[in-house]
Amino acid sequence: MQKSERELRDDIIQIGRLVYEKGWVAANDGNISLRLDQERLLCTPTGVSKGMMHRDDLIICDMKGNKIEGRKERTSEILMHLTVYEMRPDVRAVVHAHPPVSTGWATAGRVLNQALLPEVVIGLGCVPLAEYGLPGTPALTDPMLPYIPKYDAIMMANHGAVCYADELFKAFFKMETVEHYARIALVAELLGGAKVLPRIEVDKLLDSRTRYGVKARVAGEPGCPVSAEDVAFPTEKFEVTREELIALVEEAIRVRGAS
């Protein structure tokens, strides 16, 4: 049963409060939008805490980002939302936030791409990292263009994350999964490094997607997610010059002769 506009406004208010209460945004950070129909978007305003919005604060825009209705101004990052909707006709809701742990990975230039958790492999594949772009400008969106068609969640370097789905709460849950994944990956790294799932298990999880109602699109690109067989050793640690190699061999011969 299709929801009324009033109900959709209430959904955005609820998601905004959840995002704020979880600490995924601070002050007036983040933005949320959803499709009302093929011609209009309902989105959050700029300059308002996502945890303190009222139903009448929300803005209606056309698919070019022009404000049609609303007493406040639309989010300054509306172009990012419009780009997602244009490239993904199946998407009806977009959530952008700055969850601290996954944003920490993004600011460190680290991609969440290893096959660590079955639910992440099934639901997201992995989470790519788009290069930094100035917020509120086309430079923010340009680095995301290669990833939007292939992934349902993207980390943004030195910025945050964006997730999208065919329904608002699903987009929120994807963001929740990204942050959960980031927290577990961080703990594993602090404990000496995660044990990545082998390719045979990853393939089983990818093949099981249809049982969970997940489209094949989230498979992303080859090698996403990274399996145990794909994890390369840091070869730079073993690089030595010819002279150093000769010295090592001579030392080994000397030690052996002395024994």
C-alpha atoms as a PDB file:
ATOM      1  CA  MET A   1       0.000   0.000   0.000  1.00  0.00           C
ATOM      2  CA  GLN A   2       1.484   3.330  -1.062  1.00  0.00           C
ATOM      3  CA  LYS A   3       2.187   5.806   1.734  1.00  0.00           C
ATOM      4  CA  SER A   4       0.765   9.298   1.789  1.00  0.00           C
ATOM      5  CA  GLU A   5       3.025  12.344   1.629  1.00  0.00           C
ATOM      6  CA  ARG A   6       2.368  12.964   5.317  1.00  0.00           C
ATOM      7  CA  GLU A   7       3.521   9.440   6.161  1.00  0.00           C
ATOM      8  CA  LEU A   8       6.644   9.848   4.021  1.00  0.00           C
ATOM      9  CA  ARG A   9       7.442  13.111   5.797  1.00  0.00           C
ATOM     10  CA  ASP A  10       7.109  11.305   9.117  1.00  0.00           C
ATOM     11  CA  ASP A  11       9.465   8.580   7.859  1.00  0.00           C
ATOM     12  CA  ILE A  12      12.160  11.155   7.069  1.00  0.00           C
ATOM     13  CA  ILE A  13      11.686  12.747  10.496  1.00  0.00           C
ATOM     14  CA  GLN A  14      12.056   9.345  12.151  1.00  0.00           C
ATOM     15  CA  ILE A  15      15.179   8.433  10.169  1.00  0.00           C
ATOM     16  CA  GLY A  16      16.665  11.853  10.923  1.00  0.00           C
ATOM     17  CA  ARG A  17      16.206  11.298  14.637  1.00  0.00           C
ATOM     18  CA  LEU A  18      17.701   7.792  14.458  1.00  0.00           C
ATOM     19  CA  VAL A  19      20.731   9.057  12.544  1.00  0.00           C
ATOM     20  CA  TYR A  20      21.212  11.840  15.099  1.00  0.00           C
ATOM     21  CA  GLU A  21      20.713   9.617  18.146  1.00  0.00           C
ATOM     22  CA  LYS A  22      23.203   7.064  16.808  1.00  0.00           C
ATOM     23  CA  GLY A  23      25.820   9.788  16.552  1.00  0.00           C
ATOM     24  CA  TRP A  24      26.150   9.488  12.789  1.00  0.00           C
ATOM     25  CA  VAL A  25      25.788  13.251  12.378  1.00  0.00           C
ATOM     26  CA  ALA A  26      26.731  16.288  14.443  1.00  0.00           C
ATOM     27  CA  ALA A  27      25.074  19.693  14.456  1.00  0.00           C
ATOM     28  CA  ASN A  28      23.399  20.130  11.043  1.00  0.00           C
ATOM     29  CA  ASP A  29      25.313  17.418   9.170  1.00  0.00           C
ATOM     30  CA  GLY A  30      23.815  14.886   6.787  1.00  0.00           C
ATOM     31  CA  ASN A  31      20.859  14.860   4.442  1.00  0.00           C
ATOM     32  CA  ILE A  32      17.995  12.556   3.481  1.00  0.00           C
ATOM     33  CA  SER A  33      15.718  12.406   0.461  1.00  0.00           C
ATOM     34  CA  LEU A  34      13.081  10.214  -1.149  1.00  0.00           C
ATOM     35  CA  ARG A  35      11.066  10.183  -4.345  1.00  0.00           C
ATOM     36  CA  LEU A  36       7.491  11.339  -4.099  1.00  0.00           C
ATOM     37  CA  ASP A  37       6.964  10.522  -7.768  1.00  0.00           C
ATOM     38  CA  GLN A  38       8.894  10.699 -11.051  1.00  0.00           C
ATOM     39  CA  GLU A  39       8.953  14.501 -10.954  1.00  0.00           C
ATOM     40  CA  ARG A  40       9.423  15.403  -7.279  1.00  0.00           C
ATOM     41  CA  LEU A  41      11.735  14.729  -4.345  1.00  0.00           C
ATOM     42  CA  LEU A  42      11.099  15.240  -0.652  1.00  0.00           C
ATOM     43  CA  CYS A  43      14.320  16.218   1.116  1.00  0.00           C
ATOM     44  CA  THR A  44      15.751  17.590   4.321  1.00  0.00           C
ATOM     45  CA  PRO A  45      16.500  21.313   4.671  1.00  0.00           C
ATOM     46  CA  THR A  46      19.920  22.849   5.121  1.00  0.00           C
ATOM     47  CA  GLY A  47      20.963  24.338   8.461  1.00  0.00           C
ATOM     48  CA  VAL A  48      18.702  22.138  10.598  1.00  0.00           C
ATOM     49  CA  SER A  49      19.725  19.287  12.914  1.00  0.00           C
ATOM     50  CA  LYS A  50      18.461  15.999  11.539  1.00  0.00           C
ATOM     51  CA  GLY A  51      17.411  15.049  15.052  1.00  0.00           C
ATOM     52  CA  MET A  52      15.291  18.163  15.544  1.00  0.00           C
ATOM     53  CA  MET A  53      13.346  18.495  12.312  1.00  0.00           C
ATOM     54  CA  HIS A  54       9.615  19.054  12.036  1.00  0.00           C
ATOM     55  CA  ARG A  55       7.362  17.733   9.304  1.00  0.00           C
ATOM     56  CA  ASP A  56       6.922  21.207   7.795  1.00  0.00           C
ATOM     57  CA  ASP A  57      10.684  21.783   7.606  1.00  0.00           C
ATOM     58  CA  LEU A  58      11.027  19.380   4.693  1.00  0.00           C
ATOM     59  CA  ILE A  59      11.427  20.636   1.139  1.00  0.00           C
ATOM     60  CA  ILE A  60       9.904  19.459  -2.138  1.00  0.00           C
ATOM     61  CA  CYS A  61      12.173  19.818  -5.174  1.00  0.00           C
ATOM     62  CA  ASP A  62      11.880  18.968  -8.821  1.00  0.00           C
ATOM     63  CA  MET A  63      14.326  16.556 -10.466  1.00  0.00           C
ATOM     64  CA  LYS A  64      16.640  19.452 -11.302  1.00  0.00           C
ATOM     65  CA  GLY A  65      16.964  20.463  -7.667  1.00  0.00           C
ATOM     66  CA  ASN A  66      14.723  23.519  -7.833  1.00  0.00           C
ATOM     67  CA  LYS A  67      12.625  24.135  -4.724  1.00  0.00           C
ATOM     68  CA  ILE A  68       8.921  23.759  -5.400  1.00  0.00           C
ATOM     69  CA  GLU A  69       7.606  23.940  -1.873  1.00  0.00           C
ATOM     70  CA  GLY A  70       8.938  24.571   1.626  1.00  0.00           C
ATOM     71  CA  ARG A  71       9.646  27.355   4.082  1.00  0.00           C
ATOM     72  CA  LYS A  72      13.362  26.562   4.368  1.00  0.00           C
ATOM     73  CA  GLU A  73      16.129  25.971   1.842  1.00  0.00           C
ATOM     74  CA  ARG A  74      16.932  22.516   0.464  1.00  0.00           C
ATOM     75  CA  THR A  75      20.126  20.661   1.309  1.00  0.00           C
ATOM     76  CA  SER A  76      23.234  22.037  -0.380  1.00  0.00           C
ATOM     77  CA  GLU A  77      24.162  18.504  -1.462  1.00  0.00           C
ATOM     78  CA  ILE A  78      21.017  17.921  -3.499  1.00  0.00           C
ATOM     79  CA  LEU A  79      23.130  17.266  -6.620  1.00  0.00           C
ATOM     80  CA  MET A  80      24.477  14.075  -5.063  1.00  0.00           C
ATOM     81  CA  HIS A  81      20.944  12.824  -4.469  1.00  0.00           C
ATOM     82  CA  LEU A  82      19.793  13.783  -7.955  1.00  0.00           C
ATOM     83  CA  THR A  83      22.767  11.983  -9.495  1.00  0.00           C
ATOM     84  CA  VAL A  84      21.944   8.780  -7.638  1.00  0.00           C
ATOM     85  CA  TYR A  85      18.301   8.930  -8.732  1.00  0.00           C
ATOM     86  CA  GLU A  86      19.281   9.620 -12.335  1.00  0.00           C
ATOM     87  CA  MET A  87      21.765   6.750 -12.515  1.00  0.00           C
ATOM     88  CA  ARG A  88      19.674   4.303 -10.508  1.00  0.00           C
ATOM     89  CA  PRO A  89      15.991   4.307 -11.519  1.00  0.00           C
ATOM     90  CA  ASP A  90      15.399   1.553  -8.938  1.00  0.00           C
ATOM     91  CA  VAL A  91      16.394   3.871  -6.063  1.00  0.00           C
ATOM     92  CA  ARG A  92      13.697   5.777  -4.197  1.00  0.00           C
ATOM     93  CA  ALA A  93      15.581   6.961  -1.101  1.00  0.00           C
ATOM     94  CA  VAL A  94      19.056   8.285  -0.256  1.00  0.00           C
ATOM     95  CA  VAL A  95      20.678   8.713   3.161  1.00  0.00           C
ATOM     96  CA  HIS A  96      23.941  10.608   3.634  1.00  0.00           C
ATOM     97  CA  ALA A  97      25.621  10.797   7.048  1.00  0.00           C
ATOM     98  CA  HIS A  98      29.009  10.866   8.770  1.00  0.00           C
ATOM     99  CA  PRO A  99      29.074   7.700  10.920  1.00  0.00           C
ATOM    100  CA  PRO A 100      32.322   8.047  12.908  1.00  0.00           C
ATOM    101  CA  VAL A 101      34.000   4.675  12.422  1.00  0.00           C
ATOM    102  CA  SER A 102      33.339   4.208   8.707  1.00  0.00           C
ATOM    103  CA  THR A 103      34.173   7.890   8.187  1.00  0.00           C
ATOM    104  CA  GLY A 104      37.408   7.214  10.061  1.00  0.00           C
ATOM    105  CA  TRP A 105      38.273   4.501   7.536  1.00  0.00           C
ATOM    106  CA  ALA A 106      37.403   6.923   4.740  1.00  0.00           C
ATOM    107  CA  THR A 107      39.617   9.696   6.130  1.00  0.00           C
ATOM    108  CA  ALA A 108      42.455   7.187   6.426  1.00  0.00           C
ATOM    109  CA  GLY A 109      41.985   6.294   2.763  1.00  0.00           C
ATOM    110  CA  ARG A 110      41.050   2.733   3.679  1.00  0.00           C
ATOM    111  CA  VAL A 111      38.432   0.749   1.750  1.00  0.00           C
ATOM    112  CA  LEU A 112      36.005  -1.623   3.472  1.00  0.00           C
ATOM    113  CA  ASN A 113      36.389  -4.321   0.857  1.00  0.00           C
ATOM    114  CA  GLN A 114      37.400  -7.527   2.652  1.00  0.00           C
ATOM    115  CA  ALA A 115      35.053 -10.493   2.977  1.00  0.00           C
ATOM    116  CA  LEU A 116      34.671 -10.545   6.749  1.00  0.00           C
ATOM    117  CA  LEU A 117      30.955 -10.837   7.525  1.00  0.00           C
ATOM    118  CA  PRO A 118      28.390 -12.980   5.649  1.00  0.00           C
ATOM    119  CA  GLU A 119      25.636 -10.374   5.926  1.00  0.00           C
ATOM    120  CA  VAL A 120      27.890  -7.704   4.399  1.00  0.00           C
ATOM    121  CA  VAL A 121      28.979  -9.955   1.523  1.00  0.00           C
ATOM    122  CA  ILE A 122      25.339 -10.764   0.785  1.00  0.00           C
ATOM    123  CA  GLY A 123      23.897  -7.290   1.253  1.00  0.00           C
ATOM    124  CA  LEU A 124      26.643  -4.975   0.038  1.00  0.00           C
ATOM    125  CA  GLY A 125      29.492  -6.976  -1.472  1.00  0.00           C
ATOM    126  CA  CYS A 126      31.940  -4.353  -0.292  1.00  0.00           C
ATOM    127  CA  VAL A 127      31.967  -0.590   0.249  1.00  0.00           C
ATOM    128  CA  PRO A 128      34.129   1.362  -2.226  1.00  0.00           C
ATOM    129  CA  LEU A 129      35.842   4.640  -1.415  1.00  0.00           C
ATOM    130  CA  ALA A 130      35.270   7.626  -3.711  1.00  0.00           C
ATOM    131  CA  GLU A 131      37.940  10.315  -3.833  1.00  0.00           C
ATOM    132  CA  TYR A 132      37.387  13.616  -2.028  1.00  0.00           C
ATOM    133  CA  GLY A 133      35.300  16.323  -3.638  1.00  0.00           C
ATOM    134  CA  LEU A 134      34.242  19.720  -2.297  1.00  0.00           C
ATOM    135  CA  PRO A 135      30.816  19.375  -0.618  1.00  0.00           C
ATOM    136  CA  GLY A 136      27.982  21.222  -2.295  1.00  0.00           C
ATOM    137  CA  THR A 137      29.685  21.199  -5.711  1.00  0.00           C
ATOM    138  CA  PRO A 138      29.830  18.803  -8.687  1.00  0.00           C
ATOM    139  CA  ALA A 139      33.325  17.850  -7.478  1.00  0.00           C
ATOM    140  CA  LEU A 140      31.670  15.933  -4.641  1.00  0.00           C
ATOM    141  CA  THR A 141      29.671  13.754  -7.017  1.00  0.00           C
ATOM    142  CA  ASP A 142      32.130  13.213  -9.872  1.00  0.00           C
ATOM    143  CA  PRO A 143      34.333  10.648  -8.051  1.00  0.00           C
ATOM    144  CA  MET A 144      31.201   8.661  -7.140  1.00  0.00           C
ATOM    145  CA  LEU A 145      30.007   8.187 -10.725  1.00  0.00           C
ATOM    146  CA  PRO A 146      31.831   4.884 -11.411  1.00  0.00           C
ATOM    147  CA  TYR A 147      30.461   3.353  -8.201  1.00  0.00           C
ATOM    148  CA  ILE A 148      26.809   4.409  -8.128  1.00  0.00           C
ATOM    149  CA  PRO A 149      25.584   1.849 -10.720  1.00  0.00           C
ATOM    150  CA  LYS A 150      27.455  -1.047  -9.069  1.00  0.00           C
ATOM    151  CA  TYR A 151      27.122  -0.458  -5.326  1.00  0.00           C
ATOM    152  CA  ASP A 152      24.417   0.481  -2.835  1.00  0.00           C
ATOM    153  CA  ALA A 153      26.788   2.117  -0.343  1.00  0.00           C
ATOM    154  CA  ILE A 154      29.777   4.369  -0.958  1.00  0.00           C
ATOM    155  CA  MET A 155      32.294   5.865   1.438  1.00  0.00           C
ATOM    156  CA  MET A 156      33.422   9.383   0.592  1.00  0.00           C
ATOM    157  CA  ALA A 157      37.020  10.326   1.341  1.00  0.00           C
ATOM    158  CA  ASN A 158      37.325  12.813   4.221  1.00  0.00           C
ATOM    159  CA  HIS A 159      33.554  13.201   4.291  1.00  0.00           C
ATOM    160  CA  GLY A 160      31.225  10.335   5.217  1.00  0.00           C
ATOM    161  CA  ALA A 161      29.061   7.751   3.521  1.00  0.00           C
ATOM    162  CA  VAL A 162      25.987   7.588   1.307  1.00  0.00           C
ATOM    163  CA  CYS A 163      23.547   4.676   1.009  1.00  0.00           C
ATOM    164  CA  TYR A 164      20.472   4.231  -1.168  1.00  0.00           C
ATOM    165  CA  ALA A 165      17.676   1.747  -1.758  1.00  0.00           C
ATOM    166  CA  ASP A 166      14.157   1.339  -3.079  1.00  0.00           C
ATOM    167  CA  GLU A 167      12.748   2.334   0.311  1.00  0.00           C
ATOM    168  CA  LEU A 168      13.911   4.801   2.967  1.00  0.00           C
ATOM    169  CA  PHE A 169      14.301   2.377   5.853  1.00  0.00           C
ATOM    170  CA  LYS A 170      16.316   0.005   3.654  1.00  0.00           C
ATOM    171  CA  ALA A 171      18.721   2.848   2.848  1.00  0.00           C
ATOM    172  CA  PHE A 172      19.021   3.543   6.584  1.00  0.00           C
ATOM    173  CA  PHE A 173      19.701  -0.132   7.312  1.00  0.00           C
ATOM    174  CA  LYS A 174      22.441  -0.171   4.679  1.00  0.00           C
ATOM    175  CA  MET A 175      24.103   2.747   6.470  1.00  0.00           C
ATOM    176  CA  GLU A 176      23.760   0.847   9.733  1.00  0.00           C
ATOM    177  CA  THR A 177      25.422  -2.193   8.139  1.00  0.00           C
ATOM    178  CA  VAL A 178      28.307  -0.064   6.828  1.00  0.00           C
ATOM    179  CA  GLU A 179      29.018   1.362  10.268  1.00  0.00           C
ATOM    180  CA  HIS A 180      28.649  -2.047  11.947  1.00  0.00           C
ATOM    181  CA  TYR A 181      31.083  -3.517   9.417  1.00  0.00           C
ATOM    182  CA  ALA A 182      33.542  -0.665  10.008  1.00  0.00           C
ATOM    183  CA  ARG A 183      33.457  -1.149  13.770  1.00  0.00           C
ATOM    184  CA  ILE A 184      34.085  -4.886  13.553  1.00  0.00           C
ATOM    185  CA  ALA A 185      36.852  -4.400  10.985  1.00  0.00           C
ATOM    186  CA  LEU A 186      38.509  -1.856  13.294  1.00  0.00           C
ATOM    187  CA  VAL A 187      38.392  -4.207  16.286  1.00  0.00           C
ATOM    188  CA  ALA A 188      39.841  -7.017  14.148  1.00  0.00           C
ATOM    189  CA  GLU A 189      42.652  -4.738  13.018  1.00  0.00           C
ATOM    190  CA  LEU A 190      43.441  -3.725  16.596  1.00  0.00           C
ATOM    191  CA  LEU A 191      43.631  -7.416  17.497  1.00  0.00           C
ATOM    192  CA  GLY A 192      46.198  -8.135  14.830  1.00  0.00           C
ATOM    193  CA  GLY A 193      44.189  -8.322  11.629  1.00  0.00           C
ATOM    194  CA  ALA A 194      41.018  -9.972  10.400  1.00  0.00           C
ATOM    195  CA  LYS A 195      40.879 -13.490   8.977  1.00  0.00           C
ATOM    196  CA  VAL A 196      39.320 -13.002   5.564  1.00  0.00           C
ATOM    197  CA  LEU A 197      36.864 -15.586   4.241  1.00  0.00           C
ATOM    198  CA  PRO A 198      38.197 -17.850   1.443  1.00  0.00           C
ATOM    199  CA  ARG A 199      36.902 -17.474  -2.105  1.00  0.00           C
ATOM    200  CA  ILE A 200      34.871 -20.685  -1.996  1.00  0.00           C
ATOM    201  CA  GLU A 201      32.850 -19.325   0.950  1.00  0.00           C
ATOM    202  CA  VAL A 202      32.498 -15.909  -0.657  1.00  0.00           C
ATOM    203  CA  ASP A 203      31.104 -17.502  -3.807  1.00  0.00           C
ATOM    204  CA  LYS A 204      28.576 -19.467  -1.747  1.00  0.00           C
ATOM    205  CA  LEU A 205      27.411 -16.238  -0.118  1.00  0.00           C
ATOM    206  CA  LEU A 206      27.176 -14.431  -3.448  1.00  0.00           C
ATOM    207  CA  ASP A 207      25.169 -17.319  -4.907  1.00  0.00           C
ATOM    208  CA  SER A 208      22.760 -17.175  -1.967  1.00  0.00           C
ATOM    209  CA  ARG A 209      21.726 -13.568  -2.625  1.00  0.00           C
ATOM    210  CA  THR A 210      18.526 -14.466  -4.419  1.00  0.00           C
ATOM    211  CA  ARG A 211      17.307 -16.328  -1.335  1.00  0.00           C
ATOM    212  CA  TYR A 212      17.510 -13.053   0.564  1.00  0.00           C
ATOM    213  CA  GLY A 213      15.926 -10.945  -2.146  1.00  0.00           C
ATOM    214  CA  VAL A 214      19.173  -9.171  -2.997  1.00  0.00           C
ATOM    215  CA  LYS A 215      19.872  -8.203  -6.591  1.00  0.00           C
ATOM    216  CA  ALA A 216      23.073  -9.266  -8.304  1.00  0.00           C
ATOM    217  CA  ARG A 217      24.073  -5.605  -8.701  1.00  0.00           C
ATOM    218  CA  VAL A 218      25.620  -5.518  -5.241  1.00  0.00           C
ATOM    219  CA  ALA A 219      28.286  -7.933  -6.434  1.00  0.00           C
ATOM    220  CA  GLY A 220      30.123  -4.834  -7.627  1.00  0.00           C
ATOM    221  CA  GLU A 221      33.290  -5.511  -9.563  1.00  0.00           C
ATOM    222  CA  PRO A 222      35.605  -8.554  -9.797  1.00  0.00           C
ATOM    223  CA  GLY A 223      37.541  -8.955  -6.577  1.00  0.00           C
ATOM    224  CA  CYS A 224      34.860  -7.253  -4.515  1.00  0.00           C
ATOM    225  CA  PRO A 225      34.786  -8.382  -1.841  1.00  0.00           C
ATOM    226  CA  VAL A 226      38.413  -9.356  -1.383  1.00  0.00           C
ATOM    227  CA  SER A 227      38.784 -13.004  -0.369  1.00  0.00           C
ATOM    228  CA  ALA A 228      41.602 -14.677   1.569  1.00  0.00           C
ATOM    229  CA  GLU A 229      43.275 -15.724  -1.682  1.00  0.00           C
ATOM    230  CA  ASP A 230      43.254 -12.125  -2.878  1.00  0.00           C
ATOM    231  CA  VAL A 231      45.017 -10.704   0.157  1.00  0.00           C
ATOM    232  CA  ALA A 232      48.504  -9.811  -1.016  1.00  0.00           C
ATOM    233  CA  PHE A 233      51.531  -9.808   1.213  1.00  0.00           C
ATOM    234  CA  PRO A 234      53.183  -6.383   1.621  1.00  0.00           C
ATOM    235  CA  THR A 235      56.019  -7.170  -0.741  1.00  0.00           C
ATOM    236  CA  GLU A 236      57.696  -3.848  -0.103  1.00  0.00           C
ATOM    237  CA  LYS A 237      58.784  -5.158   3.288  1.00  0.00           C
ATOM    238  CA  PHE A 238      60.855  -7.870   1.604  1.00  0.00           C
ATOM    239  CA  GLU A 239      62.516  -5.766  -1.062  1.00  0.00           C
ATOM    240  CA  VAL A 240      66.325  -5.692  -0.828  1.00  0.00           C
ATOM    241  CA  THR A 241      69.058  -4.424  -3.091  1.00  0.00           C
ATOM    242  CA  ARG A 242      71.496  -6.750  -4.885  1.00  0.00           C
ATOM    243  CA  GLU A 243      74.260  -5.693  -2.528  1.00  0.00           C
ATOM    244  CA  GLU A 244      72.099  -6.402   0.526  1.00  0.00           C
ATOM    245  CA  LEU A 245      71.171  -9.824  -0.845  1.00  0.00           C
ATOM    246  CA  ILE A 246      74.835 -10.718  -1.423  1.00  0.00           C
ATOM    247  CA  ALA A 247      75.654  -9.571   2.114  1.00  0.00           C
ATOM    248  CA  LEU A 248      72.858 -11.704   3.546  1.00  0.00           C
ATOM    249  CA  VAL A 249      74.077 -14.789   1.642  1.00  0.00           C
ATOM    250  CA  GLU A 250      77.685 -14.203   2.713  1.00  0.00           C
ATOM    251  CA  GLU A 251      76.582 -13.808   6.320  1.00  0.00           C
ATOM    252  CA  ALA A 252      74.573 -17.035   6.150  1.00  0.00           C
ATOM    253  CA  ILE A 253      77.619 -18.872   4.721  1.00  0.00           C
ATOM    254  CA  ARG A 254      79.859 -17.417   7.407  1.00  0.00           C
ATOM    255  CA  VAL A 255      77.484 -18.397  10.214  1.00  0.00           C
ATOM    256  CA  ARG A 256      77.097 -21.902   8.794  1.00  0.00           C
ATOM    257  CA  GLY A 257      80.879 -22.325   8.465  1.00  0.00           C
ATOM    258  CA  ALA A 258      81.408 -21.107  12.026  1.00  0.00           C
ATOM    259  CA  SER A 259      78.993 -23.718  13.344  1.00  0.00           C
END
